[in-house]
Protein backbone atom coordinates (compact mmCIF):
# COMPACT_ATOMS: atom_id res chain seq x y z
CA MET A 1 4.68 5.90 35.08
CA VAL A 2 3.49 4.52 31.75
CA ILE A 3 2.79 6.98 28.94
CA LEU A 4 0.52 5.67 26.23
CA GLY A 5 0.26 7.98 23.24
CA VAL A 6 -0.77 7.87 19.60
CA CYS A 7 2.13 7.45 17.16
CA PHE A 8 1.66 9.35 13.93
CA SER A 9 4.03 7.35 11.74
CA PHE A 10 3.03 3.84 10.71
CA LEU A 11 6.15 1.78 11.08
CA GLY A 12 6.64 -1.11 8.72
CA MET A 13 8.66 -4.27 8.72
CA GLU A 14 11.90 -4.96 6.94
CA ALA A 15 12.32 -8.42 5.52
CA GLN A 16 15.10 -10.36 7.26
CA ASN A 17 18.09 -11.34 5.17
CA LEU A 18 18.83 -14.96 6.14
CA VAL A 19 22.46 -14.74 4.94
CA PRO A 20 25.01 -13.99 7.68
CA ASN A 21 27.82 -11.55 6.94
CA SER A 22 26.11 -10.98 3.61
CA SER A 23 28.43 -8.24 2.33
CA PHE A 24 31.63 -9.72 3.83
CA GLU A 25 32.37 -6.73 6.04
CA THR A 26 32.90 -8.62 9.31
CA TYR A 27 36.28 -10.34 9.41
CA THR A 28 38.54 -11.81 12.07
CA LEU A 29 41.80 -10.62 10.47
CA CYS A 30 42.73 -8.51 7.48
CA PRO A 31 43.47 -10.84 4.51
CA TRP A 32 47.10 -11.15 3.41
CA SER A 33 47.02 -14.10 0.99
CA GLN A 34 44.79 -16.30 -1.16
CA ASP A 35 42.46 -19.02 0.19
CA GLN A 36 41.35 -17.00 3.23
CA ILE A 37 37.58 -16.98 2.97
CA TYR A 38 37.56 -18.43 6.48
CA LEU A 39 38.34 -14.90 7.70
CA VAL A 40 34.71 -13.94 6.98
CA SER A 41 33.11 -16.64 9.10
CA PRO A 42 30.70 -18.40 8.83
CA TRP A 43 31.55 -18.44 5.10
CA PHE A 44 33.85 -21.25 3.96
CA ARG A 45 34.98 -23.13 0.84
CA PRO A 46 33.04 -26.41 0.50
CA THR A 47 35.59 -28.14 -1.78
CA ALA A 48 39.36 -28.57 -1.98
CA ASN A 49 39.79 -25.66 -4.39
CA THR A 50 40.62 -22.27 -2.91
CA SER A 51 38.29 -19.29 -2.59
CA ASP A 52 39.57 -15.87 -1.65
CA TYR A 53 38.73 -12.85 0.52
CA TYR A 54 39.51 -9.26 -0.42
CA ASN A 55 39.30 -6.13 1.74
CA GLY A 56 40.50 -2.55 1.55
CA CYS A 57 42.32 -3.02 4.85
CA SER A 58 44.87 -5.29 3.16
CA THR A 59 48.33 -4.10 2.13
CA SER A 60 48.91 -7.26 0.08
CA TYR A 61 47.63 -8.46 -3.30
CA VAL A 62 44.18 -9.18 -1.83
CA ASP A 63 43.41 -5.47 -1.50
CA VAL A 64 40.28 -3.60 -2.62
CA PRO A 65 39.96 -2.13 -5.16
CA VAL A 66 43.31 -3.26 -6.70
CA ASN A 67 44.25 -6.91 -6.28
CA TRP A 68 46.01 -9.72 -8.11
CA PHE A 69 43.01 -10.51 -10.37
CA GLY A 70 42.11 -6.93 -11.31
CA THR A 71 40.51 -3.72 -10.06
CA GLU A 72 37.01 -3.51 -8.60
CA ASN A 73 35.42 -1.48 -5.82
CA ALA A 74 33.21 -3.35 -3.39
CA HIS A 75 29.51 -3.22 -4.20
CA THR A 76 28.93 -2.40 -0.52
CA GLY A 77 31.52 -1.43 2.08
CA ASN A 78 35.14 -2.52 1.72
CA GLY A 79 35.13 -6.28 1.21
CA TYR A 80 34.09 -9.07 -1.15
CA VAL A 81 35.05 -12.65 -1.95
CA GLY A 82 36.28 -14.22 -5.17
CA PHE A 83 36.26 -17.63 -6.84
CA ALA A 84 37.06 -19.27 -10.18
CA CYS A 85 33.85 -20.49 -11.80
CA PHE A 86 35.63 -21.97 -14.81
CA TYR A 87 39.20 -22.92 -15.64
CA GLY A 88 38.97 -26.05 -17.74
CA GLY A 89 38.55 -29.67 -16.87
CA ASN A 90 35.33 -28.97 -14.96
CA SER A 91 37.34 -27.51 -12.06
CA ARG A 92 35.39 -25.13 -9.86
CA GLU A 93 35.66 -22.97 -6.76
CA TYR A 94 32.66 -22.31 -4.52
CA VAL A 95 31.68 -20.33 -1.43
CA SER A 96 29.18 -21.52 1.17
CA THR A 97 27.60 -20.54 4.48
CA PRO A 98 24.91 -21.79 6.87
CA LEU A 99 21.77 -19.64 6.87
CA LEU A 100 20.49 -17.77 9.91
CA ASP A 101 17.33 -19.89 9.88
CA THR A 102 16.06 -22.98 8.08
CA LEU A 103 13.72 -22.44 5.15
CA LYS A 104 10.02 -23.23 5.54
CA ALA A 105 8.23 -25.79 3.40
CA GLY A 106 5.98 -24.21 0.76
CA LYS A 107 7.32 -20.69 1.32
CA LYS A 108 8.80 -18.70 -1.56
CA TYR A 109 12.20 -17.05 -1.15
CA CYS A 110 13.87 -14.24 -3.07
CA VAL A 111 17.57 -14.85 -3.72
CA SER A 112 19.98 -12.19 -4.99
CA PHE A 113 23.71 -11.56 -5.21
CA TYR A 114 26.12 -9.44 -7.24
CA VAL A 115 29.05 -10.67 -9.32
CA SER A 116 31.80 -8.91 -11.28
CA LEU A 117 34.16 -10.60 -13.73
CA ALA A 118 37.81 -10.01 -12.75
CA ASP A 119 39.94 -8.10 -15.28
CA SER A 120 42.42 -10.96 -15.70
CA SER A 121 39.72 -13.39 -16.88
CA LEU A 122 39.87 -14.67 -20.44
CA ASP A 123 36.25 -15.86 -20.47
CA GLY A 124 32.87 -14.74 -19.26
CA ILE A 125 30.50 -17.61 -18.52
CA SER A 126 26.96 -18.43 -17.45
CA PRO A 127 25.26 -19.69 -15.41
CA ILE A 128 26.40 -18.73 -11.92
CA SER A 129 23.97 -20.18 -9.41
CA ALA A 130 22.85 -20.64 -5.81
CA TYR A 131 22.11 -24.08 -4.38
CA PHE A 132 20.29 -24.69 -1.09
CA SER A 133 20.62 -27.94 0.87
CA ASN A 134 19.44 -29.46 4.13
CA THR A 135 22.87 -30.90 4.90
CA LEU A 136 26.36 -29.50 4.96
CA TYR A 137 28.44 -30.11 1.82
CA ASN A 138 32.13 -30.17 2.71
CA ASN A 139 34.45 -32.23 0.49
CA GLN A 140 38.06 -31.15 0.99
CA ILE A 141 39.43 -33.87 -1.31
CA LYS A 142 37.80 -33.05 -4.65
CA GLY A 143 37.68 -29.74 -6.52
CA ASP A 144 35.55 -30.48 -9.56
CA THR A 145 31.96 -29.53 -10.33
CA ILE A 146 29.41 -30.20 -7.58
CA ASN A 147 26.75 -32.29 -9.28
CA VAL A 148 23.50 -30.80 -7.98
CA THR A 149 20.60 -28.83 -9.44
CA PRO A 150 20.65 -25.22 -8.15
CA GLN A 151 17.42 -23.42 -7.33
CA VAL A 152 18.44 -19.98 -8.70
CA SER A 153 20.72 -19.26 -11.68
CA SER A 154 21.72 -16.48 -14.03
CA PRO A 155 20.22 -16.76 -17.54
CA ILE A 156 22.11 -19.53 -19.34
CA GLN A 157 22.13 -17.64 -22.65
CA THR A 158 23.81 -14.49 -21.26
CA PRO A 159 27.51 -14.74 -20.31
CA LEU A 160 28.46 -12.59 -17.34
CA SER A 161 31.19 -10.49 -18.94
CA ASP A 162 31.12 -7.12 -17.16
CA THR A 163 34.56 -6.32 -15.70
CA SER A 164 33.84 -2.69 -14.86
CA GLY A 165 30.86 -3.04 -12.54
CA TRP A 166 28.53 -5.41 -10.73
CA THR A 167 25.82 -7.60 -12.25
CA LEU A 168 22.77 -8.57 -10.20
CA ILE A 169 21.71 -12.23 -10.25
CA THR A 170 18.28 -12.74 -8.75
CA GLY A 171 15.45 -15.24 -8.72
CA SER A 172 12.97 -17.01 -6.49
CA PHE A 173 12.05 -20.56 -5.55
CA THR A 174 9.70 -22.49 -3.29
CA ALA A 175 11.47 -24.25 -0.43
CA ASN A 176 10.95 -27.94 0.27
CA GLY A 177 11.58 -27.15 3.92
CA GLY A 178 14.62 -27.66 6.11
CA GLU A 179 17.19 -26.05 3.78
CA LYS A 180 19.99 -24.69 5.98
CA TYR A 181 22.98 -24.04 3.69
CA ILE A 182 23.69 -22.04 0.55
CA ILE A 183 26.47 -22.71 -1.96
CA ILE A 184 27.27 -20.19 -4.73
CA GLY A 185 29.21 -21.04 -7.87
CA THR A 186 28.82 -22.85 -11.19
CA PHE A 187 27.19 -26.28 -11.09
CA THR A 188 27.13 -26.78 -14.89
CA CYS A 189 29.80 -28.84 -16.65
CA ASP A 190 32.14 -27.12 -19.11
CA SER A 191 30.44 -28.47 -22.22
CA LEU A 192 27.08 -26.92 -21.28
CA LEU A 193 28.32 -23.47 -20.27
CA THR A 194 27.65 -20.40 -22.36
CA ARG A 195 31.02 -18.70 -22.86
CA ASP A 196 32.24 -15.34 -24.05
CA SER A 197 35.88 -15.72 -25.09
CA THR A 198 36.25 -12.18 -26.46
CA ILE A 199 37.00 -10.55 -23.10
CA ARG A 200 40.63 -9.79 -24.02
CA PRO A 201 43.34 -11.20 -26.34
CA ARG A 202 44.10 -14.85 -25.62
CA PRO A 203 47.70 -16.12 -25.94
CA ASN A 204 48.10 -19.43 -27.76
CA ASN A 205 47.05 -22.39 -25.62
CA TYR A 206 46.45 -20.11 -22.66
CA ALA A 207 44.21 -21.68 -20.03
CA LYS A 208 40.47 -21.07 -20.09
CA PHE A 209 39.68 -18.92 -17.10
CA ALA A 210 36.70 -17.06 -15.55
CA TYR A 211 37.18 -15.56 -12.08
CA TYR A 212 34.40 -13.64 -10.36
CA TYR A 213 34.09 -11.35 -7.37
CA LEU A 214 30.95 -11.78 -5.21
CA ASP A 215 29.20 -9.31 -2.90
CA ASP A 216 25.86 -8.62 -1.16
CA VAL A 217 24.19 -12.03 -0.95
CA SER A 218 20.54 -12.00 0.11
CA VAL A 219 17.89 -14.63 0.87
CA ILE A 220 14.53 -13.16 1.92
CA GLU A 221 11.20 -14.85 2.54
CA ILE A 222 8.59 -13.46 0.17
CA ALA A 223 5.78 -11.84 2.14
CA ASP A 224 2.24 -13.21 2.00
CA CYS A 225 -0.13 -11.05 -0.04
CA LYS A 226 -2.99 -10.05 2.28
CA ALA A 227 -5.58 -7.50 1.24
CA GLY A 228 -7.57 -8.22 4.42
CA ASN A 229 -10.83 -9.90 5.37
CA ASP A 230 -14.08 -8.83 3.72
CA ALA A 231 -15.82 -6.28 5.94
CA SER A 232 -18.81 -3.93 6.20
CA ILE A 233 -18.69 -0.25 7.11
CA CYS A 234 -21.25 2.48 7.51
CA PHE A 235 -21.60 5.09 4.79
CA GLU A 236 -18.93 7.81 5.18
CA ASP A 237 -16.90 5.60 7.55
CA SER A 238 -13.48 4.23 6.61
CA LEU A 239 -11.53 0.99 6.92
CA GLN A 240 -7.81 0.30 6.78
CA LEU A 241 -6.89 -2.36 4.24
CA GLY A 242 -3.87 -4.60 3.88
CA THR A 243 -1.17 -5.36 6.40
CA LEU A 244 2.09 -4.01 7.80
CA PRO A 245 4.33 -2.66 5.02
CA ASP A 246 7.51 -4.44 4.00
CA SER A 247 10.28 -2.26 2.57
CA SER A 248 11.22 -4.90 -0.04
CA VAL A 249 7.69 -5.09 -1.53
CA ILE A 250 5.98 -2.93 -4.18
CA TYR A 251 2.24 -2.46 -3.58
CA SER A 252 -0.53 -1.44 -5.96
CA TRP A 253 -4.32 -1.32 -5.32
CA GLN A 254 -7.14 -1.26 -7.85
CA PRO A 255 -9.46 0.52 -8.13
CA SER A 256 -7.99 3.64 -6.53
CA ASP A 257 -11.42 5.18 -5.85
CA GLY A 258 -11.92 5.87 -2.17
CA LEU A 259 -8.34 5.01 -1.19
CA SER A 260 -6.01 7.33 0.68
CA ASN A 261 -3.05 6.01 -1.35
CA SER A 262 -3.15 3.17 -3.88
CA PHE A 263 0.61 2.47 -3.67
CA VAL A 264 1.06 1.63 0.01
CA ALA A 265 0.58 -1.61 1.93
CA ASN A 266 -2.29 -0.44 4.11
CA PRO A 267 -4.34 2.42 2.62
CA LYS A 268 -7.47 3.76 4.26
CA ALA A 269 -10.61 2.94 2.24
CA SER A 270 -13.66 5.23 2.24
CA PRO A 271 -15.76 3.99 -0.68
CA PHE A 272 -19.18 5.51 -1.42
CA SER A 273 -20.56 2.12 -2.42
CA THR A 274 -19.67 -1.54 -2.02
CA THR A 275 -16.26 -2.08 -3.67
CA THR A 276 -13.90 -5.01 -4.21
CA TYR A 277 -10.28 -3.92 -4.01
CA THR A 278 -7.42 -5.95 -5.50
CA LEU A 279 -3.93 -5.76 -4.03
CA THR A 280 -1.07 -6.57 -6.41
CA GLN A 281 2.17 -7.24 -4.58
CA THR A 282 5.56 -7.49 -6.31
CA GLN A 283 8.66 -8.78 -4.53
CA CYS A 284 11.74 -10.11 -6.26
CA ASN A 285 10.27 -11.52 -9.50
CA VAL A 286 7.12 -12.82 -7.81
CA VAL A 287 3.75 -11.13 -8.44
CA SER A 288 0.81 -12.12 -6.24
CA THR A 289 -2.70 -10.76 -5.72
CA SER A 290 -5.36 -10.69 -3.04
CA THR A 291 -8.84 -9.14 -2.87
CA ILE A 292 -11.09 -7.64 -0.21
CA THR A 293 -14.72 -6.58 -0.56
CA VAL A 294 -15.81 -3.58 1.48
CA THR A 295 -19.60 -3.52 1.84
CA VAL A 296 -21.02 -0.05 2.45
CA GLU A 297 -24.17 0.03 4.60
CA HIS A 298 -26.31 3.16 4.26
CA ASP A 299 -28.54 2.46 7.23
CA CYS A 300 -26.34 1.85 10.27
CA ASN A 301 -24.67 3.62 13.15
CA SER A 302 -21.05 4.66 13.01
CA ALA A 303 -18.44 2.16 14.14
CA PRO A 304 -17.01 2.23 17.64
CA ASN A 305 -13.78 4.09 18.25
CA ILE A 306 -10.65 3.00 20.06
CA PHE A 307 -9.96 5.63 22.66
CA ILE A 308 -6.26 6.16 23.37
CA PRO A 309 -5.76 9.00 25.84
CA THR A 310 -2.55 10.96 25.76
CA LEU A 311 -1.53 10.03 29.29
CA PHE A 312 -2.22 7.33 31.84
CA TYR A 313 -0.96 7.64 35.39
CA GLY A 314 0.08 4.12 36.34
CA THR A 315 -2.94 2.31 34.87
CA GLY A 316 -2.36 2.01 31.11
CA GLU A 317 -5.83 0.66 30.28
CA LEU A 318 -6.80 0.49 26.60
CA LYS A 319 -10.42 1.61 26.21
CA VAL A 320 -12.82 1.14 23.32
CA SER A 321 -15.93 3.27 23.22
CA GLY A 322 -19.17 1.83 21.86
CA LEU A 323 -18.22 -1.77 22.64
CA GLU A 324 -20.39 -4.50 21.13
CA LEU A 325 -20.60 -8.06 22.39
CA ASN A 326 -18.23 -10.50 20.64
CA SER A 327 -15.89 -7.75 19.50
CA ALA A 328 -12.39 -9.20 19.11
CA LEU A 329 -9.19 -7.34 19.83
CA GLU A 330 -5.60 -8.33 19.01
CA ILE A 331 -2.37 -6.47 19.78
CA PHE A 332 0.96 -7.04 18.02
CA ASP A 333 4.44 -5.71 18.67
CA ALA A 334 6.60 -4.07 16.00
CA ARG A 335 7.95 -7.47 14.92
CA GLY A 336 4.46 -8.81 14.28
CA ARG A 337 4.29 -11.01 17.38
CA LYS A 338 0.87 -11.22 19.06
CA VAL A 339 1.04 -9.96 22.66
CA PHE A 340 -2.70 -9.96 23.47
CA SER A 341 -5.87 -11.52 22.10
CA SER A 342 -9.50 -11.46 23.22
CA ALA A 343 -12.52 -12.85 21.36
CA ASP A 344 -14.88 -10.69 23.47
CA TYR A 345 -13.00 -7.59 24.51
CA GLN A 346 -14.29 -5.78 27.62
CA ASN A 347 -11.76 -2.98 28.13
CA ASP A 348 -9.63 -5.42 30.09
CA PHE A 349 -6.19 -4.90 28.55
CA TRP A 350 -3.44 -3.15 30.53
CA THR A 351 -0.08 -1.98 29.22
CA ASP A 352 1.81 -2.50 32.48
CA GLU A 353 3.48 -5.73 31.29
CA LEU A 354 4.53 -4.37 27.88
CA ALA A 355 8.06 -3.31 27.06
CA ALA A 356 8.56 0.18 25.67
CA GLY A 357 7.91 0.37 21.93
CA VAL A 358 5.33 0.61 19.15
CA TYR A 359 2.26 -1.68 19.17
CA PHE A 360 -0.46 -2.30 16.61
CA VAL A 361 -4.12 -2.88 17.47
CA ARG A 362 -6.62 -4.81 15.34
CA PHE A 363 -10.25 -4.49 16.49
CA ILE A 364 -12.81 -6.75 14.77
CA ARG A 365 -16.49 -5.88 15.11
CA PRO A 366 -19.19 -8.62 15.12
CA ASN A 367 -19.97 -7.69 11.49
CA GLN A 368 -16.29 -8.43 10.68
CA GLN A 369 -15.38 -4.79 10.11
CA VAL A 370 -11.72 -4.40 11.02
CA LEU A 371 -10.26 -1.27 12.62
CA ASN A 372 -6.50 -0.79 12.86
CA TRP A 373 -4.74 1.54 15.28
CA LYS A 374 -1.35 1.85 16.91
CA PHE A 375 0.14 3.23 20.10
CA CYS A 376 3.46 3.78 21.81
CA VAL A 377 4.46 2.59 25.26
CA ILE A 378 7.14 4.71 26.88
CA LYS A 379 8.59 3.77 30.23
């Protein structure tokens, strides 16, 4: 038996973080010494200099929150990594990992991570950056500054000097395409760093030193801003605007007249007269806009309705009442993948081949009015 029923909550999407083991909670063994970032695979150190892993499970000096460089709770969970971004002579430590997927050419990506300066540091520095590359960087002979231009960096004029909490570093960039690896650290030579040397008293001739903890690394593709296609509706009818919501995006619609909610991804529009709505979408530090014009016709019949009965016994046919020739119908699963498409729908879709779950229906009338519905398949 297939049960096909209306779902009353509109499920959204959650942007995929392309960074594996992003908060360093999955480990093969509890750390017991320095230079053990390999315990949080697939993270590794891309140069000869050591990078460290800390976790609350440890009984050694790589514990959380108290360890050999200071005291700091994890930003998330029980673990984080640490590396020296500056200790004179352009020496550096870095951390790196392959991404879960290659970046797409022309797409914008939001990058974020948290750092905390270790208590034992004598300097706070900036910038700390993220660099993305198409090829693996792995030089186990040298330990000096990697000479590349990172895509995302902390503000150069603001040293990262907080030893009692976590500082968010975030930014966005447009991918060239094919980037598969991320390296985090300092790619700027000593002479160009901004330094804060007032962290704590400095003994005479004591080495310059800035050691940072790192947690919660994120790389997310910025969602396309889509208000929808221009459409016509009959007076007193309504139309759903926008697209599936993304939990990492802030939405705002103008004007708010005739909208069910002007701060969601897909409000229902019931304007009294022809109206152009503008969607403003904010994600990471990227603001984008899109418009849709809803033309209100005062001399037309009401739009057709998608009829979803509460129960089908073995058939699972999706019916649309008031069908017009050349009416298109598309069905998507909860991940946004198209599972059915017809340019001239004739009540010929059956749910028998669908897996259990939530599905979204987009019905496009010949006048380009778009109707959006959803249903659940339960097996």
